[in-house]
Amino acid sequence: MMSHNSWILLMLFLWVDSSLCVDFACSNDTSVKPVCECTEITGKVNCTNRGLNEWPVGIPINTLFLYISKNNLKDIDNEAVLQLHKLLTINLSNNLLTRLPRFPKTIFFM
């Protein structure tokens, strides 16, 4: 039988663990539901109108075309975009951005 303190610790762990949920852009893991449509053959990742508040984890580094418009993004970490060194096109329109991140030199803005 669990003590009162053990129950409190278990409940605290479950609360903390559930608060660490992140949105995965693309995933090959069937237990993870990606928030974006990812087409590896064309290098296209479509995260348009997904209600994102933060940059999703797991955008493939070989992404060529990234559509992440119509979300609630307020800030994007420079490294998140710079790691996409093959990126040709990005659409960030209709977000809540107050500044733009740095982009790879290959980028074409839409």
PDB file of N, CA and C in Angstrom:
ATOM      1  N   MET A   1       0.829  -1.176   0.000  1.00  0.00           N
ATOM      2  CA  MET A   1       0.000   0.000   0.000  1.00  0.00           C
ATOM      3  C   MET A   1       0.883   1.253   0.000  1.00  0.00           C
ATOM      4  N   MET A   2       0.499   2.247  -0.781  1.00  0.00           N
ATOM      5  CA  MET A   2       1.297   3.469  -0.883  1.00  0.00           C
ATOM      6  C   MET A   2       0.957   4.420   0.250  1.00  0.00           C
ATOM      7  N   SER A   3       2.005   5.062   0.752  1.00  0.00           N
ATOM      8  CA  SER A   3       1.799   6.064   1.798  1.00  0.00           C
ATOM      9  C   SER A   3       1.244   7.347   1.175  1.00  0.00           C
ATOM     10  N   HIS A   4       0.779   8.219   2.034  1.00  0.00           N
ATOM     11  CA  HIS A   4       0.237   9.498   1.577  1.00  0.00           C
ATOM     12  C   HIS A   4       1.296  10.290   0.805  1.00  0.00           C
ATOM     13  N   ASN A   5       2.530  10.306   1.301  1.00  0.00           N
ATOM     14  CA  ASN A   5       3.610  11.031   0.635  1.00  0.00           C
ATOM     15  C   ASN A   5       3.925  10.431  -0.733  1.00  0.00           C
ATOM     16  N   SER A   6       3.851   9.105  -0.840  1.00  0.00           N
ATOM     17  CA  SER A   6       4.107   8.450  -2.125  1.00  0.00           C
ATOM     18  C   SER A   6       3.057   8.844  -3.147  1.00  0.00           C
ATOM     19  N   TRP A   7       1.801   8.939  -2.718  1.00  0.00           N
ATOM     20  CA  TRP A   7       0.728   9.369  -3.616  1.00  0.00           C
ATOM     21  C   TRP A   7       0.950  10.796  -4.085  1.00  0.00           C
ATOM     22  N   ILE A   8       1.365  11.637  -3.186  1.00  0.00           N
ATOM     23  CA  ILE A   8       1.624  13.037  -3.545  1.00  0.00           C
ATOM     24  C   ILE A   8       2.752  13.113  -4.569  1.00  0.00           C
ATOM     25  N   LEU A   9       3.822  12.354  -4.341  1.00  0.00           N
ATOM     26  CA  LEU A   9       4.940  12.348  -5.283  1.00  0.00           C
ATOM     27  C   LEU A   9       4.514  11.805  -6.650  1.00  0.00           C
ATOM     28  N   LEU A  10       3.710  10.747  -6.659  1.00  0.00           N
ATOM     29  CA  LEU A  10       3.237  10.178  -7.914  1.00  0.00           C
ATOM     30  C   LEU A  10       2.376  11.195  -8.667  1.00  0.00           C
ATOM     31  N   MET A  11       1.473  11.849  -7.981  1.00  0.00           N
ATOM     32  CA  MET A  11       0.606  12.837  -8.619  1.00  0.00           C
ATOM     33  C   MET A  11       1.427  14.019  -9.149  1.00  0.00           C
ATOM     34  N   LEU A  12       2.435  14.445  -8.384  1.00  0.00           N
ATOM     35  CA  LEU A  12       3.298  15.529  -8.822  1.00  0.00           C
ATOM     36  C   LEU A  12       4.067  15.121 -10.071  1.00  0.00           C
ATOM     37  N   PHE A  13       4.589  13.893 -10.104  1.00  0.00           N
ATOM     38  CA  PHE A  13       5.307  13.393 -11.266  1.00  0.00           C
ATOM     39  C   PHE A  13       4.397  13.368 -12.494  1.00  0.00           C
ATOM     40  N   LEU A  14       3.191  12.873 -12.351  1.00  0.00           N
ATOM     41  CA  LEU A  14       2.261  12.811 -13.476  1.00  0.00           C
ATOM     42  C   LEU A  14       1.902  14.203 -13.971  1.00  0.00           C
ATOM     43  N   TRP A  15       1.752  15.153 -13.068  1.00  0.00           N
ATOM     44  CA  TRP A  15       1.438  16.517 -13.467  1.00  0.00           C
ATOM     45  C   TRP A  15       2.606  17.138 -14.218  1.00  0.00           C
ATOM     46  N   VAL A  16       3.831  16.999 -13.706  1.00  0.00           N
ATOM     47  CA  VAL A  16       5.017  17.548 -14.354  1.00  0.00           C
ATOM     48  C   VAL A  16       5.229  16.879 -15.699  1.00  0.00           C
ATOM     49  N   ASP A  17       5.104  15.550 -15.767  1.00  0.00           N
ATOM     50  CA  ASP A  17       5.313  14.819 -17.002  1.00  0.00           C
ATOM     51  C   ASP A  17       4.333  15.263 -18.078  1.00  0.00           C
ATOM     52  N   SER A  18       3.073  15.462 -17.744  1.00  0.00           N
ATOM     53  CA  SER A  18       2.082  15.876 -18.735  1.00  0.00           C
ATOM     54  C   SER A  18       2.279  17.320 -19.163  1.00  0.00           C
ATOM     55  N   SER A  19       2.917  18.138 -18.321  1.00  0.00           N
ATOM     56  CA  SER A  19       3.142  19.526 -18.696  1.00  0.00           C
ATOM     57  C   SER A  19       4.316  19.670 -19.643  1.00  0.00           C
ATOM     58  N   LEU A  20       5.083  18.607 -19.849  1.00  0.00           N
ATOM     59  CA  LEU A  20       6.228  18.643 -20.740  1.00  0.00           C
ATOM     60  C   LEU A  20       5.875  18.229 -22.156  1.00  0.00           C
ATOM     61  N   CYS A  21       4.604  18.156 -22.470  1.00  0.00           N
ATOM     62  CA  CYS A  21       4.176  17.762 -23.807  1.00  0.00           C
ATOM     63  C   CYS A  21       4.683  18.780 -24.818  1.00  0.00           C
ATOM     64  N   VAL A  22       5.223  18.268 -25.908  1.00  0.00           N
ATOM     65  CA  VAL A  22       5.687  19.134 -26.979  1.00  0.00           C
ATOM     66  C   VAL A  22       5.043  18.670 -28.274  1.00  0.00           C
ATOM     67  N   ASP A  23       4.951  19.595 -29.211  1.00  0.00           N
ATOM     68  CA  ASP A  23       4.412  19.258 -30.524  1.00  0.00           C
ATOM     69  C   ASP A  23       5.540  18.747 -31.404  1.00  0.00           C
ATOM     70  N   PHE A  24       5.360  17.571 -31.985  1.00  0.00           N
ATOM     71  CA  PHE A  24       6.326  17.013 -32.913  1.00  0.00           C
ATOM     72  C   PHE A  24       5.850  17.303 -34.327  1.00  0.00           C
ATOM     73  N   ALA A  25       6.714  17.929 -35.111  1.00  0.00           N
ATOM     74  CA  ALA A  25       6.356  18.256 -36.491  1.00  0.00           C
ATOM     75  C   ALA A  25       6.187  16.997 -37.314  1.00  0.00           C
ATOM     76  N   CYS A  26       7.215  16.171 -37.322  1.00  0.00           N
ATOM     77  CA  CYS A  26       7.230  14.947 -38.121  1.00  0.00           C
ATOM     78  C   CYS A  26       7.766  13.827 -37.238  1.00  0.00           C
ATOM     79  N   SER A  27       7.220  12.653 -37.391  1.00  0.00           N
ATOM     80  CA  SER A  27       7.689  11.534 -36.590  1.00  0.00           C
ATOM     81  C   SER A  27       7.431  10.225 -37.315  1.00  0.00           C
ATOM     82  N   ASN A  28       8.398   9.340 -37.247  1.00  0.00           N
ATOM     83  CA  ASN A  28       8.229   7.989 -37.782  1.00  0.00           C
ATOM     84  C   ASN A  28       7.706   7.042 -36.712  1.00  0.00           C
ATOM     85  N   ASP A  29       7.623   7.527 -35.485  1.00  0.00           N
ATOM     86  CA  ASP A  29       7.137   6.745 -34.351  1.00  0.00           C
ATOM     87  C   ASP A  29       5.612   6.730 -34.396  1.00  0.00           C
ATOM     88  N   THR A  30       5.028   5.563 -34.506  1.00  0.00           N
ATOM     89  CA  THR A  30       3.565   5.453 -34.622  1.00  0.00           C
ATOM     90  C   THR A  30       2.844   5.846 -33.338  1.00  0.00           C
ATOM     91  N   SER A  31       3.565   5.924 -32.212  1.00  0.00           N
ATOM     92  CA  SER A  31       2.922   6.321 -30.962  1.00  0.00           C
ATOM     93  C   SER A  31       2.863   7.845 -30.816  1.00  0.00           C
ATOM     94  N   VAL A  32       3.510   8.561 -31.728  1.00  0.00           N
ATOM     95  CA  VAL A  32       3.522  10.022 -31.689  1.00  0.00           C
ATOM     96  C   VAL A  32       2.751  10.547 -32.891  1.00  0.00           C
ATOM     97  N   LYS A  33       1.750  11.376 -32.630  1.00  0.00           N
ATOM     98  CA  LYS A  33       0.971  11.960 -33.721  1.00  0.00           C
ATOM     99  C   LYS A  33       1.601  13.300 -34.105  1.00  0.00           C
ATOM    100  N   PRO A  34       2.161  13.376 -35.323  1.00  0.00           N
ATOM    101  CA  PRO A  34       2.781  14.641 -35.734  1.00  0.00           C
ATOM    102  C   PRO A  34       1.734  15.720 -35.973  1.00  0.00           C
ATOM    103  N   VAL A  35       2.132  16.988 -35.755  1.00  0.00           N
ATOM    104  CA  VAL A  35       1.207  18.097 -35.948  1.00  0.00           C
ATOM    105  C   VAL A  35       1.266  18.657 -37.370  1.00  0.00           C
ATOM    106  N   CYS A  36       2.268  18.253 -38.129  1.00  0.00           N
ATOM    107  CA  CYS A  36       2.441  18.766 -39.484  1.00  0.00           C
ATOM    108  C   CYS A  36       2.304  17.641 -40.496  1.00  0.00           C
ATOM    109  N   GLU A  37       2.027  18.013 -41.724  1.00  0.00           N
ATOM    110  CA  GLU A  37       2.051  17.055 -42.831  1.00  0.00           C
ATOM    111  C   GLU A  37       3.467  17.082 -43.393  1.00  0.00           C
ATOM    112  N   CYS A  38       4.131  15.947 -43.374  1.00  0.00           N
ATOM    113  CA  CYS A  38       5.522  15.875 -43.785  1.00  0.00           C
ATOM    114  C   CYS A  38       5.657  14.938 -44.970  1.00  0.00           C
ATOM    115  N   THR A  39       6.196  15.454 -46.059  1.00  0.00           N
ATOM    116  CA  THR A  39       6.399  14.656 -47.262  1.00  0.00           C
ATOM    117  C   THR A  39       7.891  14.596 -47.531  1.00  0.00           C
ATOM    118  N   GLU A  40       8.488  13.488 -47.136  1.00  0.00           N
ATOM    119  CA  GLU A  40       9.936  13.342 -47.222  1.00  0.00           C
ATOM    120  C   GLU A  40      10.445  13.412 -48.664  1.00  0.00           C
ATOM    121  N   ILE A  41       9.702  12.854 -49.593  1.00  0.00           N
ATOM    122  CA  ILE A  41      10.145  12.803 -51.001  1.00  0.00           C
ATOM    123  C   ILE A  41      10.340  14.208 -51.574  1.00  0.00           C
ATOM    124  N   THR A  42       9.421  15.115 -51.278  1.00  0.00           N
ATOM    125  CA  THR A  42       9.498  16.480 -51.811  1.00  0.00           C
ATOM    126  C   THR A  42      10.184  17.450 -50.850  1.00  0.00           C
ATOM    127  N   GLY A  43      10.450  17.017 -49.641  1.00  0.00           N
ATOM    128  CA  GLY A  43      11.063  17.898 -48.651  1.00  0.00           C
ATOM    129  C   GLY A  43      10.118  18.964 -48.142  1.00  0.00           C
ATOM    130  N   LYS A  44       8.819  18.693 -48.209  1.00  0.00           N
ATOM    131  CA  LYS A  44       7.796  19.673 -47.811  1.00  0.00           C
ATOM    132  C   LYS A  44       7.264  19.346 -46.416  1.00  0.00           C
ATOM    133  N   VAL A  45       7.210  20.370 -45.567  1.00  0.00           N
ATOM    134  CA  VAL A  45       6.607  20.247 -44.242  1.00  0.00           C
ATOM    135  C   VAL A  45       5.546  21.335 -44.130  1.00  0.00           C
ATOM    136  N   ASN A  46       4.299  20.924 -43.920  1.00  0.00           N
ATOM    137  CA  ASN A  46       3.181  21.855 -43.841  1.00  0.00           C
ATOM    138  C   ASN A  46       2.615  21.864 -42.428  1.00  0.00           C
ATOM    139  N   CYS A  47       2.872  22.966 -41.724  1.00  0.00           N
ATOM    140  CA  CYS A  47       2.378  23.154 -40.357  1.00  0.00           C
ATOM    141  C   CYS A  47       1.378  24.311 -40.312  1.00  0.00           C
ATOM    142  N   THR A  48       0.762  24.610 -41.424  1.00  0.00           N
ATOM    143  CA  THR A  48      -0.175  25.734 -41.529  1.00  0.00           C
ATOM    144  C   THR A  48      -1.436  25.485 -40.708  1.00  0.00           C
ATOM    145  N   ASN A  49      -1.831  26.520 -39.961  1.00  0.00           N
ATOM    146  CA  ASN A  49      -3.099  26.532 -39.225  1.00  0.00           C
ATOM    147  C   ASN A  49      -3.246  25.344 -38.274  1.00  0.00           C
ATOM    148  N   ARG A  50      -2.229  25.111 -37.468  1.00  0.00           N
ATOM    149  CA  ARG A  50      -2.241  23.993 -36.515  1.00  0.00           C
ATOM    150  C   ARG A  50      -2.363  24.461 -35.071  1.00  0.00           C
ATOM    151  N   GLY A  51      -2.562  25.754 -34.856  1.00  0.00           N
ATOM    152  CA  GLY A  51      -2.703  26.275 -33.501  1.00  0.00           C
ATOM    153  C   GLY A  51      -1.417  26.228 -32.702  1.00  0.00           C
ATOM    154  N   LEU A  52      -0.281  26.243 -33.383  1.00  0.00           N
ATOM    155  CA  LEU A  52       1.008  26.145 -32.703  1.00  0.00           C
ATOM    156  C   LEU A  52       1.334  27.418 -31.929  1.00  0.00           C
ATOM    157  N   ASN A  53       1.729  27.248 -30.674  1.00  0.00           N
ATOM    158  CA  ASN A  53       2.202  28.364 -29.856  1.00  0.00           C
ATOM    159  C   ASN A  53       3.718  28.397 -29.815  1.00  0.00           C
ATOM    160  N   GLU A  54       4.343  27.274 -30.139  1.00  0.00           N
ATOM    161  CA  GLU A  54       5.800  27.160 -30.138  1.00  0.00           C
ATOM    162  C   GLU A  54       6.245  26.421 -31.379  1.00  0.00           C
ATOM    163  N   TRP A  55       7.501  26.643 -31.746  1.00  0.00           N
ATOM    164  CA  TRP A  55       8.109  25.950 -32.873  1.00  0.00           C
ATOM    165  C   TRP A  55       8.079  24.455 -32.591  1.00  0.00           C
ATOM    166  N   PRO A  56       7.545  23.643 -33.499  1.00  0.00           N
ATOM    167  CA  PRO A  56       7.464  22.205 -33.230  1.00  0.00           C
ATOM    168  C   PRO A  56       8.827  21.522 -33.310  1.00  0.00           C
ATOM    169  N   VAL A  57       8.993  20.503 -32.506  1.00  0.00           N
ATOM    170  CA  VAL A  57      10.211  19.701 -32.477  1.00  0.00           C
ATOM    171  C   VAL A  57      10.168  18.727 -33.647  1.00  0.00           C
ATOM    172  N   GLY A  58      11.318  18.414 -34.203  1.00  0.00           N
ATOM    173  CA  GLY A  58      11.392  17.339 -35.186  1.00  0.00           C
ATOM    174  C   GLY A  58      11.163  17.719 -36.628  1.00  0.00           C
ATOM    175  N   ILE A  59      11.336  18.990 -36.980  1.00  0.00           N
ATOM    176  CA  ILE A  59      11.296  19.345 -38.397  1.00  0.00           C
ATOM    177  C   ILE A  59      12.576  18.782 -39.001  1.00  0.00           C
ATOM    178  N   PRO A  60      12.458  17.926 -40.020  1.00  0.00           N
ATOM    179  CA  PRO A  60      13.659  17.303 -40.584  1.00  0.00           C
ATOM    180  C   PRO A  60      14.666  18.336 -41.102  1.00  0.00           C
ATOM    181  N   ILE A  61      15.948  18.090 -40.859  1.00  0.00           N
ATOM    182  CA  ILE A  61      16.969  19.063 -41.269  1.00  0.00           C
ATOM    183  C   ILE A  61      17.096  19.160 -42.787  1.00  0.00           C
ATOM    184  N   ASN A  62      16.562  18.185 -43.512  1.00  0.00           N
ATOM    185  CA  ASN A  62      16.615  18.249 -44.974  1.00  0.00           C
ATOM    186  C   ASN A  62      15.350  18.858 -45.588  1.00  0.00           C
ATOM    187  N   THR A  63      14.550  19.545 -44.793  1.00  0.00           N
ATOM    188  CA  THR A  63      13.335  20.201 -45.281  1.00  0.00           C
ATOM    189  C   THR A  63      13.696  21.291 -46.289  1.00  0.00           C
ATOM    190  N   LEU A  64      13.003  21.294 -47.401  1.00  0.00           N
ATOM    191  CA  LEU A  64      13.210  22.306 -48.440  1.00  0.00           C
ATOM    192  C   LEU A  64      12.150  23.399 -48.383  1.00  0.00           C
ATOM    193  N   PHE A  65      10.911  23.012 -48.125  1.00  0.00           N
ATOM    194  CA  PHE A  65       9.775  23.935 -48.131  1.00  0.00           C
ATOM    195  C   PHE A  65       9.035  23.819 -46.806  1.00  0.00           C
ATOM    196  N   LEU A  66       8.981  24.911 -46.052  1.00  0.00           N
ATOM    197  CA  LEU A  66       8.329  24.902 -44.742  1.00  0.00           C
ATOM    198  C   LEU A  66       7.213  25.931 -44.723  1.00  0.00           C
ATOM    199  N   TYR A  67       6.013  25.448 -44.472  1.00  0.00           N
ATOM    200  CA  TYR A  67       4.829  26.306 -44.380  1.00  0.00           C
ATOM    201  C   TYR A  67       4.340  26.245 -42.935  1.00  0.00           C
ATOM    202  N   ILE A  68       4.497  27.344 -42.215  1.00  0.00           N
ATOM    203  CA  ILE A  68       4.138  27.364 -40.800  1.00  0.00           C
ATOM    204  C   ILE A  68       3.334  28.637 -40.491  1.00  0.00           C
ATOM    205  N   SER A  69       2.517  29.027 -41.455  1.00  0.00           N
ATOM    206  CA  SER A  69       1.695  30.233 -41.319  1.00  0.00           C
ATOM    207  C   SER A  69       0.408  29.940 -40.544  1.00  0.00           C
ATOM    208  N   LYS A  70      -0.289  31.002 -40.201  1.00  0.00           N
ATOM    209  CA  LYS A  70      -1.587  30.932 -39.511  1.00  0.00           C
ATOM    210  C   LYS A  70      -1.522  30.143 -38.208  1.00  0.00           C
ATOM    211  N   ASN A  71      -0.524  30.470 -37.389  1.00  0.00           N
ATOM    212  CA  ASN A  71      -0.375  29.883 -36.063  1.00  0.00           C
ATOM    213  C   ASN A  71      -0.276  31.000 -35.040  1.00  0.00           C
ATOM    214  N   ASN A  72       0.178  30.687 -33.856  1.00  0.00           N
ATOM    215  CA  ASN A  72       0.302  31.668 -32.782  1.00  0.00           C
ATOM    216  C   ASN A  72       1.747  31.821 -32.328  1.00  0.00           C
ATOM    217  N   LEU A  73       2.683  31.675 -33.253  1.00  0.00           N
ATOM    218  CA  LEU A  73       4.098  31.762 -32.904  1.00  0.00           C
ATOM    219  C   LEU A  73       4.454  33.197 -32.550  1.00  0.00           C
ATOM    220  N   LYS A  74       5.064  33.386 -31.376  1.00  0.00           N
ATOM    221  CA  LYS A  74       5.470  34.714 -30.927  1.00  0.00           C
ATOM    222  C   LYS A  74       6.963  34.931 -31.100  1.00  0.00           C
ATOM    223  N   ASP A  75       7.716  33.844 -31.002  1.00  0.00           N
ATOM    224  CA  ASP A  75       9.167  33.935 -31.086  1.00  0.00           C
ATOM    225  C   ASP A  75       9.695  32.621 -31.650  1.00  0.00           C
ATOM    226  N   ILE A  76      10.740  32.710 -32.449  1.00  0.00           N
ATOM    227  CA  ILE A  76      11.368  31.517 -33.009  1.00  0.00           C
ATOM    228  C   ILE A  76      12.861  31.601 -32.726  1.00  0.00           C
ATOM    229  N   ASP A  77      13.392  30.561 -32.142  1.00  0.00           N
ATOM    230  CA  ASP A  77      14.810  30.497 -31.836  1.00  0.00           C
ATOM    231  C   ASP A  77      15.620  30.450 -33.135  1.00  0.00           C
ATOM    232  N   ASN A  78      16.672  31.242 -33.206  1.00  0.00           N
ATOM    233  CA  ASN A  78      17.514  31.271 -34.404  1.00  0.00           C
ATOM    234  C   ASN A  78      18.010  29.886 -34.799  1.00  0.00           C
ATOM    235  N   GLU A  79      18.467  29.113 -33.837  1.00  0.00           N
ATOM    236  CA  GLU A  79      19.041  27.797 -34.134  1.00  0.00           C
ATOM    237  C   GLU A  79      18.017  26.838 -34.726  1.00  0.00           C
ATOM    238  N   ALA A  80      16.764  26.995 -34.351  1.00  0.00           N
ATOM    239  CA  ALA A  80      15.719  26.118 -34.888  1.00  0.00           C
ATOM    240  C   ALA A  80      15.621  26.252 -36.397  1.00  0.00           C
ATOM    241  N   VAL A  81      15.797  27.460 -36.901  1.00  0.00           N
ATOM    242  CA  VAL A  81      15.708  27.690 -38.334  1.00  0.00           C
ATOM    243  C   VAL A  81      17.060  27.467 -39.014  1.00  0.00           C
ATOM    244  N   LEU A  82      18.129  27.905 -38.385  1.00  0.00           N
ATOM    245  CA  LEU A  82      19.451  27.779 -38.996  1.00  0.00           C
ATOM    246  C   LEU A  82      19.863  26.325 -39.213  1.00  0.00           C
ATOM    247  N   GLN A  83      19.345  25.410 -38.410  1.00  0.00           N
ATOM    248  CA  GLN A  83      19.685  24.001 -38.606  1.00  0.00           C
ATOM    249  C   GLN A  83      19.061  23.431 -39.877  1.00  0.00           C
ATOM    250  N   LEU A  84      18.088  24.131 -40.436  1.00  0.00           N
ATOM    251  CA  LEU A  84      17.443  23.702 -41.682  1.00  0.00           C
ATOM    252  C   LEU A  84      18.264  24.252 -42.850  1.00  0.00           C
ATOM    253  N   HIS A  85      19.481  23.772 -42.983  1.00  0.00           N
ATOM    254  CA  HIS A  85      20.457  24.339 -43.912  1.00  0.00           C
ATOM    255  C   HIS A  85      20.140  24.113 -45.388  1.00  0.00           C
ATOM    256  N   LYS A  86      19.134  23.303 -45.708  1.00  0.00           N
ATOM    257  CA  LYS A  86      18.714  23.105 -47.101  1.00  0.00           C
ATOM    258  C   LYS A  86      17.426  23.866 -47.426  1.00  0.00           C
ATOM    259  N   LEU A  87      16.897  24.576 -46.447  1.00  0.00           N
ATOM    260  CA  LEU A  87      15.614  25.261 -46.598  1.00  0.00           C
ATOM    261  C   LEU A  87      15.652  26.289 -47.733  1.00  0.00           C
ATOM    262  N   LEU A  88      14.694  26.197 -48.629  1.00  0.00           N
ATOM    263  CA  LEU A  88      14.591  27.120 -49.758  1.00  0.00           C
ATOM    264  C   LEU A  88      13.478  28.133 -49.561  1.00  0.00           C
ATOM    265  N   THR A  89      12.346  27.678 -49.007  1.00  0.00           N
ATOM    266  CA  THR A  89      11.168  28.530 -48.854  1.00  0.00           C
ATOM    267  C   THR A  89      10.572  28.360 -47.473  1.00  0.00           C
ATOM    268  N   ILE A  90      10.187  29.488 -46.866  1.00  0.00           N
ATOM    269  CA  ILE A  90       9.487  29.438 -45.577  1.00  0.00           C
ATOM    270  C   ILE A  90       8.357  30.457 -45.614  1.00  0.00           C
ATOM    271  N   ASN A  91       7.209  30.068 -45.087  1.00  0.00           N
ATOM    272  CA  ASN A  91       6.073  30.975 -44.980  1.00  0.00           C
ATOM    273  C   ASN A  91       5.717  31.090 -43.507  1.00  0.00           C
ATOM    274  N   LEU A  92       5.957  32.260 -42.934  1.00  0.00           N
ATOM    275  CA  LEU A  92       5.674  32.545 -41.522  1.00  0.00           C
ATOM    276  C   LEU A  92       4.522  33.531 -41.357  1.00  0.00           C
ATOM    277  N   SER A  93       3.795  33.814 -42.410  1.00  0.00           N
ATOM    278  CA  SER A  93       2.755  34.837 -42.345  1.00  0.00           C
ATOM    279  C   SER A  93       1.656  34.469 -41.348  1.00  0.00           C
ATOM    280  N   ASN A  94       0.984  35.491 -40.876  1.00  0.00           N
ATOM    281  CA  ASN A  94      -0.150  35.345 -39.958  1.00  0.00           C
ATOM    282  C   ASN A  94       0.210  34.595 -38.679  1.00  0.00           C
ATOM    283  N   ASN A  95       1.294  35.026 -38.067  1.00  0.00           N
ATOM    284  CA  ASN A  95       1.687  34.587 -36.735  1.00  0.00           C
ATOM    285  C   ASN A  95       1.750  35.826 -35.851  1.00  0.00           C
ATOM    286  N   LEU A  96       2.240  35.694 -34.645  1.00  0.00           N
ATOM    287  CA  LEU A  96       2.319  36.813 -33.706  1.00  0.00           C
ATOM    288  C   LEU A  96       3.766  37.236 -33.471  1.00  0.00           C
ATOM    289  N   LEU A  97       4.607  37.068 -34.467  1.00  0.00           N
ATOM    290  CA  LEU A  97       6.040  37.335 -34.340  1.00  0.00           C
ATOM    291  C   LEU A  97       6.327  38.819 -34.157  1.00  0.00           C
ATOM    292  N   THR A  98       7.223  39.125 -33.229  1.00  0.00           N
ATOM    293  CA  THR A  98       7.670  40.502 -33.028  1.00  0.00           C
ATOM    294  C   THR A  98       9.047  40.717 -33.639  1.00  0.00           C
ATOM    295  N   ARG A  99       9.709  39.616 -33.996  1.00  0.00           N
ATOM    296  CA  ARG A  99      10.998  39.683 -34.686  1.00  0.00           C
ATOM    297  C   ARG A  99      11.146  38.418 -35.523  1.00  0.00           C
ATOM    298  N   LEU A 100      11.975  38.505 -36.532  1.00  0.00           N
ATOM    299  CA  LEU A 100      12.247  37.334 -37.361  1.00  0.00           C
ATOM    300  C   LEU A 100      13.539  36.674 -36.907  1.00  0.00           C
ATOM    301  N   PRO A 101      13.604  35.361 -37.006  1.00  0.00           N
ATOM    302  CA  PRO A 101      14.852  34.678 -36.677  1.00  0.00           C
ATOM    303  C   PRO A 101      15.848  34.837 -37.826  1.00  0.00           C
ATOM    304  N   ARG A 102      17.076  34.422 -37.590  1.00  0.00           N
ATOM    305  CA  ARG A 102      18.064  34.369 -38.663  1.00  0.00           C
ATOM    306  C   ARG A 102      17.715  33.179 -39.548  1.00  0.00           C
ATOM    307  N   PHE A 103      17.993  33.309 -40.823  1.00  0.00           N
ATOM    308  CA  PHE A 103      17.661  32.265 -41.787  1.00  0.00           C
ATOM    309  C   PHE A 103      18.910  31.749 -42.485  1.00  0.00           C
ATOM    310  N   PRO A 104      18.850  30.504 -42.965  1.00  0.00           N
ATOM    311  CA  PRO A 104      19.958  29.992 -43.771  1.00  0.00           C
ATOM    312  C   PRO A 104      20.103  30.830 -45.046  1.00  0.00           C
ATOM    313  N   LYS A 105      21.284  30.832 -45.613  1.00  0.00           N
ATOM    314  CA  LYS A 105      21.551  31.645 -46.812  1.00  0.00           C
ATOM    315  C   LYS A 105      20.782  31.158 -48.031  1.00  0.00           C
ATOM    316  N   THR A 106      20.255  29.959 -47.981  1.00  0.00           N
ATOM    317  CA  THR A 106      19.543  29.366 -49.116  1.00  0.00           C
ATOM    318  C   THR A 106      18.097  29.837 -49.233  1.00  0.00           C
ATOM    319  N   ILE A 107      17.627  30.606 -48.281  1.00  0.00           N
ATOM    320  CA  ILE A 107      16.202  30.889 -48.125  1.00  0.00           C
ATOM    321  C   ILE A 107      15.641  31.854 -49.176  1.00  0.00           C
ATOM    322  N   PHE A 108      14.396  31.583 -49.552  1.00  0.00           N
ATOM    323  CA  PHE A 108      13.608  32.463 -50.403  1.00  0.00           C
ATOM    324  C   PHE A 108      12.335  32.776 -49.620  1.00  0.00           C
ATOM    325  N   PHE A 109      12.060  34.041 -49.392  1.00  0.00           N
ATOM    326  CA  PHE A 109      10.895  34.422 -48.594  1.00  0.00           C
ATOM    327  C   PHE A 109       9.651  34.492 -49.435  1.00  0.00           C
ATOM    328  N   MET A 110       8.532  34.088 -48.824  1.00  0.00           N
ATOM    329  CA  MET A 110       7.227  34.177 -49.485  1.00  0.00           C
ATOM    330  C   MET A 110       6.417  35.250 -48.796  1.00  0.00           C
TER     331      MET A 110
END
